Amino acid sequence: MKNKITLKELAKLLNVSISTVSKALNDSSEISPKTVERVKELAALHKYRPNPVAVNLKSSKSGTIGVVIPNISNTYFAQVLLGIEAKAQKEGLQVITYISNESFEREKQIADMLTSGFVDGVLIAISEATHRARNYDHIFNILEYEIPVVLYDRTNIDIPVDKIGIDDEKSFEDATRLLISKGIKRIGLASAIHHLGVGKLRIKGYQKALSEGMEQLVTASSRHQVLVDGIKDLLVNKKVEAMLCTDFVSAMLVYRMAYENKVEIPKDLKMIGFLNKDVAQHLTPSISYIEQFPEEIGKNAMEMLIKRMNGKLMPEKNTHKIINTELIHLESTRFN
C-alpha cells in the first residue's frame, strides 16, 4: 500500500526542500527547532511513514548496482568504472551504468529511474550542473526509498551518505610546498573546474601553502578563451616559474600556451597537473602529475556500498574514506 504522503509531498506542502524535511525528521542541528516542529507535526498529521517501498526492496534483491558517471570522455571516470566493475564481478553483482553528461536535469531523470526498485545500491559522482544548482533533492529521494548511496570523487557536498575520494586540498598544498622548497617563488595556478568542490579545494591547498608575501597568480574560468588568455598572461607577462593545473583541460592549455610562446618546460617553467598517467608520460616533455589511483577509488567505493547494503556499517554514522595521492615526478619538474 502506498504511503498516505511521501517525503517529496511533505516538502511541497511546507515549501521547503526534500533535504530540509529529511534532516528535520532526523533532528539535524542544521535545521531550526521551529522548522523541525512544523515538519514533524505535518508528518504526524498525514501519518507519514518513511521508506515507502522498503519492504519490497528488502524482500527482493536484484543483485544490481546503479553507477552514475558525470563524464565518460574523462579517462579518470573510465578508470574508476574499471575498479567498480572488477569488484562487482568478484562479488557476483551486475552494474548498470548511466551517464549524466554533467547535466542536472539528466541526473534527476536517472535518479527517478533508480527508485523503481531494480537496483540495490547507487554509486554516483555529482554532475557539474548539480554542483552549480546546489540542489540535491533527487539524491535524498533515492535515500527515502532505502537505497544506499555512495558518493565518489566529488565528495565536498553536504549529503548524509558514505563518501570516498582523495584529499584534494592536501594534494595541491603539498605540491606547492615542494616547489617553494626548490626556491620557486612565482607559482601560478590554472583551473577549468574552479566552480566544483574539488577545484575549490585544490585552489585552497595552493593558497594555503603560499608563504607570506607570495603573490597568488590564479587564472580560473570554464570559458575556453578566457582561460587561454589568462594562462598566456601568467606565462608571458607575469613570467611564472611554475604552473599547477587542477584538471586535464587547464593542463593541456598550459602545455599548448607554453609551446606557442616559446616557454621551455622544464627550463623556464615547471609544471604539475591532475592528469591521467597515460597522457602525462607520453607527452614530450612528460608532465609531472598527481596520481589519484582511480581504480582503487572505484574498488573501494563498491566495497563500501556492499558493506552498507549488508548492514556492516553503523546505520547512524556515515563513512568518509580518503585515498592517498602521490606526486609522480616526470620531466616537467626536473631540477638542475
Protein backbone atom coordinates (compact mmCIF):
# COMPACT_ATOMS: atom_id res chain seq x y z
CA MET A 1 0.00 0.00 0.00
CA LYS A 2 1.26 3.47 -0.87
CA ASN A 3 2.08 5.85 1.95
CA LYS A 4 -0.52 8.50 2.67
CA ILE A 5 2.18 11.04 1.87
CA THR A 6 5.75 10.94 0.59
CA LEU A 7 8.79 12.93 1.63
CA LYS A 8 8.55 14.87 -1.61
CA GLU A 9 4.91 15.76 -0.98
CA LEU A 10 5.69 16.85 2.57
CA ALA A 11 8.39 19.16 1.24
CA LYS A 12 5.97 20.65 -1.28
CA LEU A 13 3.32 21.31 1.37
CA LEU A 14 5.87 23.02 3.60
CA ASN A 15 7.50 24.89 0.69
CA VAL A 16 10.96 23.59 1.63
CA SER A 17 13.42 21.18 0.04
CA ILE A 18 13.30 17.40 0.45
CA SER A 19 16.68 17.58 2.16
CA THR A 20 15.29 20.01 4.75
CA VAL A 21 12.39 17.66 5.54
CA SER A 22 14.73 14.66 5.75
CA LYS A 23 17.12 16.47 8.09
CA ALA A 24 14.26 17.79 10.24
CA LEU A 25 12.79 14.30 10.69
CA ASN A 26 16.24 13.16 11.81
CA ASP A 27 16.65 16.08 14.25
CA SER A 28 19.58 17.61 12.37
CA SER A 29 21.21 20.55 14.16
CA GLU A 30 21.32 22.34 10.79
CA ILE A 31 17.53 22.82 10.91
CA SER A 32 15.91 25.33 13.26
CA PRO A 33 13.78 23.91 16.11
CA LYS A 34 10.73 25.73 14.71
CA THR A 35 11.12 24.08 11.30
CA VAL A 36 11.70 20.67 12.90
CA GLU A 37 8.46 21.10 14.86
CA ARG A 38 6.50 22.11 11.74
CA VAL A 39 7.83 19.16 9.73
CA LYS A 40 7.12 16.61 12.47
CA GLU A 41 3.62 17.97 13.10
CA LEU A 42 2.70 17.72 9.42
CA ALA A 43 4.30 14.27 9.12
CA ALA A 44 2.28 13.05 12.10
CA LEU A 45 -0.91 14.62 10.76
CA HIS A 46 -0.56 12.76 7.47
CA LYS A 47 0.66 9.57 9.17
CA TYR A 48 3.91 9.76 7.21
CA ARG A 49 5.97 6.58 7.24
CA PRO A 50 9.49 6.62 5.73
CA ASN A 51 10.72 4.21 3.09
CA PRO A 52 7.53 3.59 1.05
CA VAL A 53 8.98 0.62 -0.82
CA ALA A 54 11.41 -0.61 1.82
CA VAL A 55 9.56 -3.91 2.38
CA ASN A 56 9.64 -4.72 -1.32
CA LEU A 57 13.31 -3.77 -1.65
CA LYS A 58 14.39 -5.81 1.35
CA SER A 59 12.50 -8.93 0.27
CA SER A 60 13.56 -8.87 -3.37
CA LYS A 61 17.22 -8.08 -4.02
CA SER A 62 18.15 -7.58 -7.65
CA GLY A 63 21.91 -8.06 -7.37
CA THR A 64 22.28 -4.91 -9.49
CA ILE A 65 24.15 -1.68 -8.73
CA GLY A 66 23.45 1.64 -10.44
CA VAL A 67 26.57 3.68 -11.27
CA VAL A 68 26.24 7.31 -12.37
CA ILE A 69 29.21 8.80 -14.21
CA PRO A 70 29.27 12.55 -14.97
CA ASN A 71 31.60 12.47 -17.98
CA ILE A 72 32.62 9.29 -19.79
CA SER A 73 35.11 11.16 -22.02
CA ASN A 74 37.18 11.81 -18.90
CA THR A 75 39.57 8.86 -18.64
CA TYR A 76 39.63 9.24 -14.86
CA PHE A 77 35.99 8.21 -14.58
CA ALA A 78 36.51 5.39 -17.07
CA GLN A 79 39.22 4.01 -14.78
CA VAL A 80 37.02 4.43 -11.71
CA LEU A 81 34.42 2.35 -13.54
CA LEU A 82 37.01 -0.36 -14.18
CA GLY A 83 37.60 -0.63 -10.43
CA ILE A 84 33.86 -0.72 -9.75
CA GLU A 85 33.27 -3.43 -12.36
CA ALA A 86 36.15 -5.58 -11.10
CA LYS A 87 34.86 -5.57 -7.53
CA ALA A 88 31.26 -6.12 -8.65
CA GLN A 89 32.19 -9.16 -10.74
CA LYS A 90 34.14 -10.62 -7.84
CA GLU A 91 31.06 -10.26 -5.62
CA GLY A 92 28.66 -11.63 -8.26
CA LEU A 93 26.92 -8.28 -8.78
CA GLN A 94 25.80 -6.64 -12.01
CA VAL A 95 26.47 -2.99 -12.84
CA ILE A 96 24.19 -0.69 -14.83
CA THR A 97 26.00 2.47 -15.89
CA TYR A 98 24.34 5.83 -16.50
CA ILE A 99 26.00 8.97 -17.86
CA SER A 100 24.70 12.33 -16.68
CA ASN A 101 26.85 14.33 -19.13
CA GLU A 102 27.35 16.91 -16.35
CA SER A 103 23.61 17.72 -16.61
CA PHE A 104 21.40 18.43 -13.59
CA GLU A 105 18.20 17.51 -15.46
CA ARG A 106 19.66 14.25 -16.77
CA GLU A 107 20.90 13.38 -13.29
CA LYS A 108 17.40 13.92 -11.87
CA GLN A 109 15.94 11.65 -14.59
CA ILE A 110 18.46 8.94 -13.72
CA ALA A 111 17.67 9.30 -10.00
CA ASP A 112 13.96 8.81 -10.74
CA MET A 113 14.74 5.61 -12.67
CA LEU A 114 16.91 4.31 -9.84
CA THR A 115 13.99 4.48 -7.37
CA SER A 116 11.92 1.97 -9.38
CA GLY A 117 13.27 -0.89 -7.28
CA PHE A 118 15.62 -2.65 -9.71
CA VAL A 119 18.92 -1.58 -8.06
CA ASP A 120 20.17 -2.48 -4.59
CA GLY A 121 22.54 0.48 -4.30
CA VAL A 122 23.88 3.54 -6.12
CA LEU A 123 27.37 4.90 -6.75
CA ILE A 124 27.37 8.46 -8.04
CA ALA A 125 29.70 11.35 -8.86
CA ILE A 126 27.58 14.51 -8.85
CA SER A 127 27.42 16.47 -12.13
CA GLU A 128 28.85 19.95 -12.65
CA ALA A 129 25.39 21.42 -13.21
CA THR A 130 24.12 19.89 -9.96
CA HIS A 131 27.06 21.45 -8.13
CA ARG A 132 26.09 24.81 -9.58
CA ALA A 133 22.40 24.38 -8.72
CA ARG A 134 23.22 23.09 -5.22
CA ASN A 135 20.03 21.08 -5.39
CA TYR A 136 20.34 17.51 -4.16
CA ASP A 137 16.67 16.66 -3.59
CA HIS A 138 16.85 13.82 -6.11
CA ILE A 139 19.60 12.18 -4.04
CA PHE A 140 17.51 12.48 -0.87
CA ASN A 141 14.64 10.94 -2.84
CA ILE A 142 16.78 7.84 -3.56
CA LEU A 143 17.60 7.60 0.15
CA GLU A 144 13.89 7.81 1.01
CA TYR A 145 13.45 4.51 -0.81
CA GLU A 146 16.12 2.97 1.44
CA ILE A 147 18.52 2.57 -1.46
CA PRO A 148 22.09 3.05 -0.15
CA VAL A 149 24.12 5.75 -1.92
CA VAL A 150 27.89 6.27 -2.01
CA LEU A 151 29.38 9.46 -3.43
CA TYR A 152 32.74 9.04 -5.12
CA ASP A 153 35.32 11.62 -6.25
CA ARG A 154 33.20 14.76 -5.86
CA THR A 155 32.53 14.42 -2.17
CA ASN A 156 32.56 18.02 -0.91
CA ILE A 157 28.77 18.01 -0.67
CA ASP A 158 26.50 18.17 2.37
CA ILE A 159 24.55 14.94 1.90
CA PRO A 160 24.37 12.36 4.72
CA VAL A 161 25.78 9.40 2.75
CA ASP A 162 29.02 7.42 2.60
CA LYS A 163 31.77 9.07 0.54
CA ILE A 164 35.13 8.19 -0.96
CA GLY A 165 37.68 10.38 -2.70
CA ILE A 166 41.09 11.97 -2.36
CA ASP A 167 42.31 14.86 -0.22
CA ASP A 168 42.24 17.46 -3.00
CA GLU A 169 43.35 20.30 -0.75
CA LYS A 170 46.37 18.48 0.66
CA SER A 171 47.42 17.24 -2.80
CA PHE A 172 47.97 20.77 -4.09
CA GLU A 173 49.22 22.12 -0.77
CA ASP A 174 51.99 19.51 -0.81
CA ALA A 175 52.80 20.16 -4.48
CA THR A 176 53.03 23.92 -3.87
CA ARG A 177 55.24 23.48 -0.80
CA LEU A 178 57.56 21.23 -2.80
CA LEU A 179 58.01 23.89 -5.49
CA ILE A 180 58.66 26.53 -2.83
CA SER A 181 61.27 24.28 -1.20
CA LYS A 182 63.11 24.24 -4.55
CA GLY A 183 63.40 28.03 -4.49
CA ILE A 184 60.48 28.79 -6.84
CA LYS A 185 58.62 31.93 -5.81
CA ARG A 186 56.33 32.76 -8.71
CA ILE A 187 53.88 29.87 -8.82
CA GLY A 188 50.77 30.11 -10.96
CA LEU A 189 47.59 28.05 -10.99
CA ALA A 190 45.14 27.36 -13.82
CA SER A 191 41.69 25.83 -13.43
CA ALA A 192 38.71 25.00 -15.59
CA ILE A 193 36.89 23.42 -12.63
CA HIS A 194 37.09 26.24 -10.07
CA HIS A 195 33.31 26.05 -9.62
CA LEU A 196 33.39 22.41 -8.49
CA GLY A 197 34.10 21.36 -4.92
CA VAL A 198 37.26 19.51 -5.97
CA GLY A 199 38.51 22.53 -7.89
CA LYS A 200 37.88 24.86 -4.97
CA LEU A 201 39.75 22.54 -2.62
CA ARG A 202 42.77 22.30 -4.93
CA ILE A 203 42.93 26.09 -5.21
CA LYS A 204 42.58 26.36 -1.43
CA GLY A 205 45.52 23.98 -0.97
CA TYR A 206 47.66 26.11 -3.27
CA GLN A 207 46.71 29.30 -1.44
CA LYS A 208 47.31 27.72 1.95
CA ALA A 209 50.86 26.73 1.01
CA LEU A 210 51.99 30.12 -0.28
CA SER A 211 54.41 31.86 2.02
CA GLU A 212 53.65 35.31 3.38
CA GLY A 213 54.27 37.91 0.71
CA MET A 214 53.98 35.46 -2.19
CA GLU A 215 51.55 36.59 -4.89
CA GLN A 216 48.54 34.47 -5.76
CA LEU A 217 48.75 34.02 -9.52
CA VAL A 218 45.49 32.30 -10.44
CA THR A 219 43.52 32.11 -13.68
CA ALA A 220 40.23 30.23 -13.48
CA SER A 221 37.37 30.01 -15.97
CA SER A 222 35.14 27.42 -17.61
CA ARG A 223 35.14 29.62 -20.74
CA HIS A 224 37.85 28.41 -23.11
CA GLN A 225 39.14 31.71 -24.46
CA VAL A 226 39.09 33.42 -21.07
CA LEU A 227 41.21 30.64 -19.63
CA VAL A 228 43.58 30.70 -22.63
CA ASP A 229 44.09 34.46 -22.24
CA GLY A 230 44.62 34.13 -18.50
CA ILE A 231 47.23 31.39 -18.93
CA LYS A 232 49.06 33.38 -21.58
CA ASP A 233 49.16 36.39 -19.25
CA LEU A 234 50.69 34.29 -16.46
CA LEU A 235 53.30 32.75 -18.74
CA VAL A 236 54.27 35.78 -20.82
CA ASN A 237 53.54 38.87 -18.73
CA LYS A 238 53.71 37.59 -15.15
CA LYS A 239 56.55 35.19 -16.05
CA VAL A 240 55.60 32.48 -13.57
CA GLU A 241 58.27 29.89 -12.83
CA ALA A 242 55.83 27.04 -12.24
CA MET A 243 52.21 26.18 -13.01
CA LEU A 244 49.80 23.96 -11.12
CA CYS A 245 46.82 22.70 -13.15
CA THR A 246 43.70 21.46 -11.36
CA ASP A 247 42.37 19.43 -14.29
CA PHE A 248 43.08 17.94 -17.71
CA VAL A 249 41.78 20.91 -19.73
CA SER A 250 43.84 23.54 -17.91
CA ALA A 251 46.94 21.31 -18.10
CA MET A 252 46.64 20.90 -21.85
CA LEU A 253 46.11 24.64 -22.33
CA VAL A 254 49.18 25.49 -20.23
CA TYR A 255 51.20 22.98 -22.24
CA ARG A 256 49.98 24.48 -25.53
CA MET A 257 50.46 28.10 -24.47
CA ALA A 258 53.99 27.35 -23.29
CA TYR A 259 54.80 25.84 -26.67
CA GLU A 260 53.24 28.71 -28.65
CA ASN A 261 55.04 31.35 -26.59
CA LYS A 262 58.42 29.60 -26.58
CA VAL A 263 58.37 28.96 -22.85
CA GLU A 264 60.50 25.87 -22.36
CA ILE A 265 59.42 23.10 -19.99
CA PRO A 266 61.17 22.43 -17.61
CA LYS A 267 63.92 25.03 -18.24
CA ASP A 268 61.65 28.09 -17.99
CA LEU A 269 58.58 26.52 -16.44
CA LYS A 270 57.96 23.67 -14.01
CA MET A 271 54.53 22.07 -14.31
CA ILE A 272 52.32 19.75 -12.22
CA GLY A 273 48.80 18.71 -13.14
CA PHE A 274 45.87 16.44 -12.37
CA LEU A 275 46.37 14.24 -15.41
CA ASN A 276 45.91 10.65 -16.43
CA LYS A 277 49.31 8.92 -16.38
CA ASP A 278 48.83 7.53 -19.90
CA VAL A 279 48.64 11.10 -21.20
CA ALA A 280 51.23 12.65 -18.88
CA GLN A 281 54.02 10.19 -19.55
CA HIS A 282 53.70 10.20 -23.34
CA LEU A 283 53.96 13.95 -23.84
CA THR A 284 57.31 15.49 -24.77
CA PRO A 285 58.40 16.70 -22.32
CA SER A 286 56.38 14.49 -19.98
CA ILE A 287 54.26 16.20 -17.32
CA SER A 288 54.52 15.52 -13.61
CA TYR A 289 51.11 14.59 -12.26
CA ILE A 290 49.05 13.81 -9.17
CA GLU A 291 48.27 10.09 -9.19
CA GLN A 292 44.72 9.66 -7.86
CA PHE A 293 44.51 5.86 -8.14
CA PRO A 294 41.05 5.90 -9.79
CA GLU A 295 40.70 2.12 -10.00
CA GLU A 296 41.38 1.91 -6.27
CA ILE A 297 38.68 4.53 -5.66
CA GLY A 298 36.21 2.51 -7.77
CA LYS A 299 37.04 -0.73 -5.98
CA ASN A 300 36.77 0.86 -2.53
CA ALA A 301 33.53 2.67 -3.43
CA MET A 302 31.92 -0.64 -4.40
CA GLU A 303 33.28 -2.31 -1.28
CA MET A 304 31.84 0.48 0.88
CA LEU A 305 28.45 0.21 -0.82
CA ILE A 306 28.34 -3.58 -0.34
CA LYS A 307 29.09 -3.18 3.37
CA ARG A 308 26.31 -0.58 3.66
CA MET A 309 23.84 -2.84 1.80
CA ASN A 310 24.72 -5.77 4.07
CA GLY A 311 24.34 -3.76 7.26
CA LYS A 312 28.05 -3.91 8.12
CA LEU A 313 28.37 -0.14 8.59
CA MET A 314 26.87 1.77 11.52
CA PRO A 315 23.42 2.98 10.44
CA GLU A 316 23.66 6.26 12.37
CA LYS A 317 27.11 7.17 11.07
CA ASN A 318 28.35 7.82 7.54
CA THR A 319 31.82 6.79 6.39
CA HIS A 320 34.20 9.14 4.55
CA LYS A 321 37.27 7.39 3.19
CA ILE A 322 40.32 9.18 1.76
CA ILE A 323 42.60 7.55 -0.81
CA ASN A 324 46.13 8.99 -0.59
CA THR A 325 47.51 10.58 -3.75
CA GLU A 326 51.10 10.55 -4.97
CA LEU A 327 53.05 13.20 -6.87
CA ILE A 328 54.74 11.47 -9.79
CA HIS A 329 57.77 13.40 -10.98
CA LEU A 330 58.41 13.32 -14.72
CA GLU A 331 60.36 15.69 -16.97
CA SER A 332 58.32 18.85 -16.22
CA THR A 333 59.67 19.06 -12.66
CA ARG A 334 63.26 18.22 -13.44
CA PHE A 335 65.54 20.39 -11.34
CA ASN A 336 69.19 21.01 -12.10
